[in-house]
Amino acid sequence: MESSAINHVCQAVYRQFPELHGAHPSVHSQPGGKYLLTFNGKVRTADGKTLPRSVRVTADERGSILKLSTSR
């Protein structure tokens, strides 16, 4: 996956999840020309506690997001 495609996916994730801004994804190749990008970060709750946040993005080689999921 080219770096411009990774940057395109990163910008979309940062817009939707600002708490992950600056987190660098791990990139894994999938069958069929797809890629799995995993972002990890922390989010602060209303009562001041922190929770881990993981965002998984499945994208094609052009950087188009096919699927996005998050966990807390």
PDB file of N, CA and C in Angstrom:
ATOM      1  N   MET A   1       0.858  -1.175   0.000  1.00  0.00           N
ATOM      2  CA  MET A   1       0.000   0.000   0.000  1.00  0.00           C
ATOM      3  C   MET A   1       0.901   1.233   0.000  1.00  0.00           C
ATOM      4  N   GLU A   2       0.612   2.158  -0.875  1.00  0.00           N
ATOM      5  CA  GLU A   2       1.429   3.359  -0.993  1.00  0.00           C
ATOM      6  C   GLU A   2       1.194   4.295   0.185  1.00  0.00           C
ATOM      7  N   SER A   3       2.193   5.124   0.470  1.00  0.00           N
ATOM      8  CA  SER A   3       2.086   6.031   1.614  1.00  0.00           C
ATOM      9  C   SER A   3       0.986   7.077   1.416  1.00  0.00           C
ATOM     10  N   SER A   4       0.714   7.471   0.177  1.00  0.00           N
ATOM     11  CA  SER A   4      -0.364   8.445  -0.051  1.00  0.00           C
ATOM     12  C   SER A   4      -1.732   7.828   0.264  1.00  0.00           C
ATOM     13  N   ALA A   5      -1.893   6.544  -0.018  1.00  0.00           N
ATOM     14  CA  ALA A   5      -3.144   5.857   0.309  1.00  0.00           C
ATOM     15  C   ALA A   5      -3.288   5.700   1.821  1.00  0.00           C
ATOM     16  N   ILE A   6      -2.185   5.403   2.499  1.00  0.00           N
ATOM     17  CA  ILE A   6      -2.213   5.300   3.966  1.00  0.00           C
ATOM     18  C   ILE A   6      -2.562   6.656   4.569  1.00  0.00           C
ATOM     19  N   ASN A   7      -1.973   7.733   4.052  1.00  0.00           N
ATOM     20  CA  ASN A   7      -2.281   9.074   4.555  1.00  0.00           C
ATOM     21  C   ASN A   7      -3.745   9.430   4.349  1.00  0.00           C
ATOM     22  N   HIS A   8      -4.318   9.020   3.227  1.00  0.00           N
ATOM     23  CA  HIS A   8      -5.734   9.275   2.949  1.00  0.00           C
ATOM     24  C   HIS A   8      -6.613   8.595   3.993  1.00  0.00           C
ATOM     25  N   VAL A   9      -6.315   7.341   4.318  1.00  0.00           N
ATOM     26  CA  VAL A   9      -7.072   6.603   5.333  1.00  0.00           C
ATOM     27  C   VAL A   9      -6.869   7.248   6.703  1.00  0.00           C
ATOM     28  N   CYS A  10      -5.635   7.617   7.026  1.00  0.00           N
ATOM     29  CA  CYS A  10      -5.341   8.241   8.322  1.00  0.00           C
ATOM     30  C   CYS A  10      -6.137   9.528   8.508  1.00  0.00           C
ATOM     31  N   GLN A  11      -6.201  10.365   7.498  1.00  0.00           N
ATOM     32  CA  GLN A  11      -6.939  11.622   7.615  1.00  0.00           C
ATOM     33  C   GLN A  11      -8.421  11.372   7.871  1.00  0.00           C
ATOM     34  N   ALA A  12      -8.985  10.361   7.228  1.00  0.00           N
ATOM     35  CA  ALA A  12     -10.396  10.030   7.451  1.00  0.00           C
ATOM     36  C   ALA A  12     -10.621   9.534   8.883  1.00  0.00           C
ATOM     37  N   VAL A  13      -9.702   8.728   9.390  1.00  0.00           N
ATOM     38  CA  VAL A  13      -9.829   8.215  10.758  1.00  0.00           C
ATOM     39  C   VAL A  13      -9.653   9.354  11.758  1.00  0.00           C
ATOM     40  N   TYR A  14      -8.695  10.240  11.527  1.00  0.00           N
ATOM     41  CA  TYR A  14      -8.456  11.357  12.441  1.00  0.00           C
ATOM     42  C   TYR A  14      -9.652  12.309  12.493  1.00  0.00           C
ATOM     43  N   ARG A  15     -10.361  12.478  11.372  1.00  0.00           N
ATOM     44  CA  ARG A  15     -11.562  13.318  11.374  1.00  0.00           C
ATOM     45  C   ARG A  15     -12.663  12.705  12.225  1.00  0.00           C
ATOM     46  N   GLN A  16     -12.827  11.401  12.127  1.00  0.00           N
ATOM     47  CA  GLN A  16     -13.896  10.727  12.852  1.00  0.00           C
ATOM     48  C   GLN A  16     -13.529  10.458  14.318  1.00  0.00           C
ATOM     49  N   PHE A  17     -12.235  10.226  14.578  1.00  0.00           N
ATOM     50  CA  PHE A  17     -11.758   9.919  15.931  1.00  0.00           C
ATOM     51  C   PHE A  17     -10.585  10.844  16.266  1.00  0.00           C
ATOM     52  N   PRO A  18     -10.854  12.086  16.668  1.00  0.00           N
ATOM     53  CA  PRO A  18      -9.769  13.048  16.902  1.00  0.00           C
ATOM     54  C   PRO A  18      -8.803  12.621  18.000  1.00  0.00           C
ATOM     55  N   GLU A  19      -9.232  11.763  18.927  1.00  0.00           N
ATOM     56  CA  GLU A  19      -8.345  11.312  19.992  1.00  0.00           C
ATOM     57  C   GLU A  19      -7.220  10.415  19.472  1.00  0.00           C
ATOM     58  N   LEU A  20      -7.347   9.922  18.244  1.00  0.00           N
ATOM     59  CA  LEU A  20      -6.311   9.087  17.639  1.00  0.00           C
ATOM     60  C   LEU A  20      -5.349   9.885  16.771  1.00  0.00           C
ATOM     61  N   HIS A  21      -5.515  11.197  16.717  1.00  0.00           N
ATOM     62  CA  HIS A  21      -4.662  12.029  15.868  1.00  0.00           C
ATOM     63  C   HIS A  21      -3.194  11.819  16.243  1.00  0.00           C
ATOM     64  N   GLY A  22      -2.395  11.481  15.272  1.00  0.00           N
ATOM     65  CA  GLY A  22      -0.981  11.234  15.489  1.00  0.00           C
ATOM     66  C   GLY A  22      -0.639   9.759  15.680  1.00  0.00           C
ATOM     67  N   ALA A  23      -1.642   8.914  15.880  1.00  0.00           N
ATOM     68  CA  ALA A  23      -1.387   7.475  16.031  1.00  0.00           C
ATOM     69  C   ALA A  23      -1.055   6.890  14.660  1.00  0.00           C
ATOM     70  N   HIS A  24       0.024   6.166  14.576  1.00  0.00           N
ATOM     71  CA  HIS A  24       0.428   5.546  13.321  1.00  0.00           C
ATOM     72  C   HIS A  24      -0.152   4.137  13.252  1.00  0.00           C
ATOM     73  N   PRO A  25      -0.777   3.791  12.129  1.00  0.00           N
ATOM     74  CA  PRO A  25      -1.416   2.479  12.037  1.00  0.00           C
ATOM     75  C   PRO A  25      -0.421   1.367  11.737  1.00  0.00           C
ATOM     76  N   SER A  26      -0.782   0.170  12.140  1.00  0.00           N
ATOM     77  CA  SER A  26      -0.065  -1.007  11.660  1.00  0.00           C
ATOM     78  C   SER A  26      -0.824  -1.486  10.418  1.00  0.00           C
ATOM     79  N   VAL A  27      -0.094  -1.827   9.373  1.00  0.00           N
ATOM     80  CA  VAL A  27      -0.696  -2.183   8.086  1.00  0.00           C
ATOM     81  C   VAL A  27      -0.400  -3.646   7.784  1.00  0.00           C
ATOM     82  N   HIS A  28      -1.459  -4.406   7.493  1.00  0.00           N
ATOM     83  CA  HIS A  28      -1.322  -5.816   7.159  1.00  0.00           C
ATOM     84  C   HIS A  28      -2.053  -6.078   5.848  1.00  0.00           C
ATOM     85  N   SER A  29      -1.426  -6.861   4.985  1.00  0.00           N
ATOM     86  CA  SER A  29      -2.019  -7.216   3.698  1.00  0.00           C
ATOM     87  C   SER A  29      -3.066  -8.306   3.907  1.00  0.00           C
ATOM     88  N   GLN A  30      -4.159  -8.207   3.138  1.00  0.00           N
ATOM     89  CA  GLN A  30      -5.252  -9.174   3.185  1.00  0.00           C
ATOM     90  C   GLN A  30      -5.418  -9.754   1.776  1.00  0.00           C
ATOM     91  N   PRO A  31      -6.063 -10.893   1.651  1.00  0.00           N
ATOM     92  CA  PRO A  31      -6.307 -11.446   0.314  1.00  0.00           C
ATOM     93  C   PRO A  31      -7.221 -10.531  -0.508  1.00  0.00           C
ATOM     94  N   GLY A  32      -7.053 -10.544  -1.799  1.00  0.00           N
ATOM     95  CA  GLY A  32      -7.911  -9.777  -2.698  1.00  0.00           C
ATOM     96  C   GLY A  32      -7.511  -8.329  -2.836  1.00  0.00           C
ATOM     97  N   GLY A  33      -6.275  -7.976  -2.525  1.00  0.00           N
ATOM     98  CA  GLY A  33      -5.818  -6.597  -2.683  1.00  0.00           C
ATOM     99  C   GLY A  33      -6.327  -5.654  -1.611  1.00  0.00           C
ATOM    100  N   LYS A  34      -6.743  -6.179  -0.480  1.00  0.00           N
ATOM    101  CA  LYS A  34      -7.230  -5.357   0.618  1.00  0.00           C
ATOM    102  C   LYS A  34      -6.148  -5.245   1.690  1.00  0.00           C
ATOM    103  N   TYR A  35      -6.280  -4.220   2.525  1.00  0.00           N
ATOM    104  CA  TYR A  35      -5.332  -3.983   3.603  1.00  0.00           C
ATOM    105  C   TYR A  35      -6.078  -3.704   4.889  1.00  0.00           C
ATOM    106  N   LEU A  36      -5.521  -4.178   5.999  1.00  0.00           N
ATOM    107  CA  LEU A  36      -6.084  -3.930   7.316  1.00  0.00           C
ATOM    108  C   LEU A  36      -5.165  -2.962   8.041  1.00  0.00           C
ATOM    109  N   LEU A  37      -5.709  -1.808   8.434  1.00  0.00           N
ATOM    110  CA  LEU A  37      -4.971  -0.808   9.191  1.00  0.00           C
ATOM    111  C   LEU A  37      -5.559  -0.766  10.594  1.00  0.00           C
ATOM    112  N   THR A  38      -4.715  -0.865  11.599  1.00  0.00           N
ATOM    113  CA  THR A  38      -5.161  -0.874  12.984  1.00  0.00           C
ATOM    114  C   THR A  38      -4.558   0.320  13.706  1.00  0.00           C
ATOM    115  N   PHE A  39      -5.423   1.149  14.284  1.00  0.00           N
ATOM    116  CA  PHE A  39      -5.025   2.319  15.063  1.00  0.00           C
ATOM    117  C   PHE A  39      -5.314   2.032  16.532  1.00  0.00           C
ATOM    118  N   ASN A  40      -4.404   2.396  17.426  1.00  0.00           N
ATOM    119  CA  ASN A  40      -4.606   2.229  18.856  1.00  0.00           C
ATOM    120  C   ASN A  40      -4.358   3.552  19.555  1.00  0.00           C
ATOM    121  N   GLY A  41      -5.209   3.865  20.523  1.00  0.00           N
ATOM    122  CA  GLY A  41      -5.065   5.087  21.289  1.00  0.00           C
ATOM    123  C   GLY A  41      -5.873   5.007  22.563  1.00  0.00           C
ATOM    124  N   LYS A  42      -5.987   6.140  23.240  1.00  0.00           N
ATOM    125  CA  LYS A  42      -6.764   6.205  24.479  1.00  0.00           C
ATOM    126  C   LYS A  42      -7.731   7.366  24.388  1.00  0.00           C
ATOM    127  N   VAL A  43      -8.890   7.187  25.018  1.00  0.00           N
ATOM    128  CA  VAL A  43      -9.909   8.229  25.059  1.00  0.00           C
ATOM    129  C   VAL A  43     -10.246   8.477  26.525  1.00  0.00           C
ATOM    130  N   ARG A  44     -10.436   9.749  26.857  1.00  0.00           N
ATOM    131  CA  ARG A  44     -10.785  10.123  28.223  1.00  0.00           C
ATOM    132  C   ARG A  44     -12.304  10.203  28.344  1.00  0.00           C
ATOM    133  N   THR A  45     -12.844   9.564  29.378  1.00  0.00           N
ATOM    134  CA  THR A  45     -14.286   9.569  29.602  1.00  0.00           C
ATOM    135  C   THR A  45     -14.694  10.837  30.345  1.00  0.00           C
ATOM    136  N   ALA A  46     -15.992  11.020  30.509  1.00  0.00           N
ATOM    137  CA  ALA A  46     -16.509  12.215  31.174  1.00  0.00           C
ATOM    138  C   ALA A  46     -16.084  12.287  32.636  1.00  0.00           C
ATOM    139  N   ASP A  47     -15.879  11.131  33.273  1.00  0.00           N
ATOM    140  CA  ASP A  47     -15.480  11.141  34.680  1.00  0.00           C
ATOM    141  C   ASP A  47     -13.960  11.137  34.870  1.00  0.00           C
ATOM    142  N   GLY A  48     -13.205  11.324  33.788  1.00  0.00           N
ATOM    143  CA  GLY A  48     -11.761  11.474  33.878  1.00  0.00           C
ATOM    144  C   GLY A  48     -10.959  10.200  33.705  1.00  0.00           C
ATOM    145  N   LYS A  49     -11.590   9.067  33.567  1.00  0.00           N
ATOM    146  CA  LYS A  49     -10.876   7.817  33.370  1.00  0.00           C
ATOM    147  C   LYS A  49     -10.485   7.672  31.903  1.00  0.00           C
ATOM    148  N   THR A  50      -9.507   6.830  31.636  1.00  0.00           N
ATOM    149  CA  THR A  50      -9.095   6.595  30.253  1.00  0.00           C
ATOM    150  C   THR A  50      -9.470   5.183  29.843  1.00  0.00           C
ATOM    151  N   LEU A  51      -9.880   5.062  28.598  1.00  0.00           N
ATOM    152  CA  LEU A  51     -10.230   3.773  28.006  1.00  0.00           C
ATOM    153  C   LEU A  51      -9.393   3.579  26.746  1.00  0.00           C
ATOM    154  N   PRO A  52      -8.924   2.363  26.504  1.00  0.00           N
ATOM    155  CA  PRO A  52      -8.223   2.116  25.238  1.00  0.00           C
ATOM    156  C   PRO A  52      -9.210   2.136  24.074  1.00  0.00           C
ATOM    157  N   ARG A  53      -8.778   2.662  22.959  1.00  0.00           N
ATOM    158  CA  ARG A  53      -9.620   2.721  21.758  1.00  0.00           C
ATOM    159  C   ARG A  53      -8.848   2.088  20.619  1.00  0.00           C
ATOM    160  N   SER A  54      -9.456   1.128  19.950  1.00  0.00           N
ATOM    161  CA  SER A  54      -8.874   0.492  18.770  1.00  0.00           C
ATOM    162  C   SER A  54      -9.802   0.715  17.588  1.00  0.00           C
ATOM    163  N   VAL A  55      -9.229   1.111  16.475  1.00  0.00           N
ATOM    164  CA  VAL A  55      -9.989   1.302  15.247  1.00  0.00           C
ATOM    165  C   VAL A  55      -9.347   0.431  14.172  1.00  0.00           C
ATOM    166  N   ARG A  56     -10.166  -0.414  13.565  1.00  0.00           N
ATOM    167  CA  ARG A  56      -9.714  -1.281  12.479  1.00  0.00           C
ATOM    168  C   ARG A  56     -10.360  -0.817  11.184  1.00  0.00           C
ATOM    169  N   VAL A  57      -9.532  -0.628  10.172  1.00  0.00           N
ATOM    170  CA  VAL A  57     -10.014  -0.148   8.880  1.00  0.00           C
ATOM    171  C   VAL A  57      -9.582  -1.132   7.809  1.00  0.00           C
ATOM    172  N   THR A  58     -10.540  -1.562   7.006  1.00  0.00           N
ATOM    173  CA  THR A  58     -10.230  -2.358   5.826  1.00  0.00           C
ATOM    174  C   THR A  58     -10.324  -1.420   4.624  1.00  0.00           C
ATOM    175  N   ALA A  59      -9.245  -1.361   3.851  1.00  0.00           N
ATOM    176  CA  ALA A  59      -9.181  -0.442   2.719  1.00  0.00           C
ATOM    177  C   ALA A  59      -8.570  -1.147   1.519  1.00  0.00           C
ATOM    178  N   ASP A  60      -8.816  -0.570   0.335  1.00  0.00           N
ATOM    179  CA  ASP A  60      -8.176  -1.119  -0.857  1.00  0.00           C
ATOM    180  C   ASP A  60      -6.841  -0.403  -1.080  1.00  0.00           C
ATOM    181  N   GLU A  61      -6.139  -0.774  -2.148  1.00  0.00           N
ATOM    182  CA  GLU A  61      -4.798  -0.217  -2.371  1.00  0.00           C
ATOM    183  C   GLU A  61      -4.814   1.266  -2.737  1.00  0.00           C
ATOM    184  N   ARG A  62      -5.972   1.805  -3.121  1.00  0.00           N
ATOM    185  CA  ARG A  62      -6.082   3.235  -3.444  1.00  0.00           C
ATOM    186  C   ARG A  62      -6.391   4.081  -2.221  1.00  0.00           C
ATOM    187  N   GLY A  63      -6.702   3.442  -1.082  1.00  0.00           N
ATOM    188  CA  GLY A  63      -6.999   4.170   0.138  1.00  0.00           C
ATOM    189  C   GLY A  63      -8.487   4.381   0.379  1.00  0.00           C
ATOM    190  N   SER A  64      -9.323   3.725  -0.402  1.00  0.00           N
ATOM    191  CA  SER A  64     -10.766   3.818  -0.178  1.00  0.00           C
ATOM    192  C   SER A  64     -11.150   2.899   0.980  1.00  0.00           C
ATOM    193  N   ILE A  65     -11.885   3.449   1.944  1.00  0.00           N
ATOM    194  CA  ILE A  65     -12.284   2.674   3.116  1.00  0.00           C
ATOM    195  C   ILE A  65     -13.466   1.782   2.748  1.00  0.00           C
ATOM    196  N   LEU A  66     -13.294   0.482   2.984  1.00  0.00           N
ATOM    197  CA  LEU A  66     -14.340  -0.491   2.713  1.00  0.00           C
ATOM    198  C   LEU A  66     -15.135  -0.809   3.975  1.00  0.00           C
ATOM    199  N   LYS A  67     -14.446  -0.828   5.111  1.00  0.00           N
ATOM    200  CA  LYS A  67     -15.089  -1.159   6.373  1.00  0.00           C
ATOM    201  C   LYS A  67     -14.310  -0.501   7.501  1.00  0.00           C
ATOM    202  N   LEU A  68     -15.034  -0.010   8.507  1.00  0.00           N
ATOM    203  CA  LEU A  68     -14.405   0.620   9.660  1.00  0.00           C
ATOM    204  C   LEU A  68     -15.141   0.138  10.911  1.00  0.00           C
ATOM    205  N   SER A  69     -14.373  -0.305  11.898  1.00  0.00           N
ATOM    206  CA  SER A  69     -14.986  -0.722  13.161  1.00  0.00           C
ATOM    207  C   SER A  69     -14.117  -0.223  14.309  1.00  0.00           C
ATOM    208  N   THR A  70     -14.760  -0.032  15.454  1.00  0.00           N
ATOM    209  CA  THR A  70     -14.060   0.456  16.633  1.00  0.00           C
ATOM    210  C   THR A  70     -14.463  -0.353  17.845  1.00  0.00           C
ATOM    211  N   SER A  71     -13.575  -0.386  18.817  1.00  0.00           N
ATOM    212  CA  SER A  71     -13.879  -1.044  20.080  1.00  0.00           C
ATOM    213  C   SER A  71     -13.388  -0.161  21.205  1.00  0.00           C
ATOM    214  N   ARG A  72     -13.985  -0.318  22.357  1.00  0.00           N
ATOM    215  CA  ARG A  72     -13.580   0.454  23.515  1.00  0.00           C
ATOM    216  C   ARG A  72     -13.040  -0.473  24.561  1.00  0.00           C
TER     217      ARG A  72
END
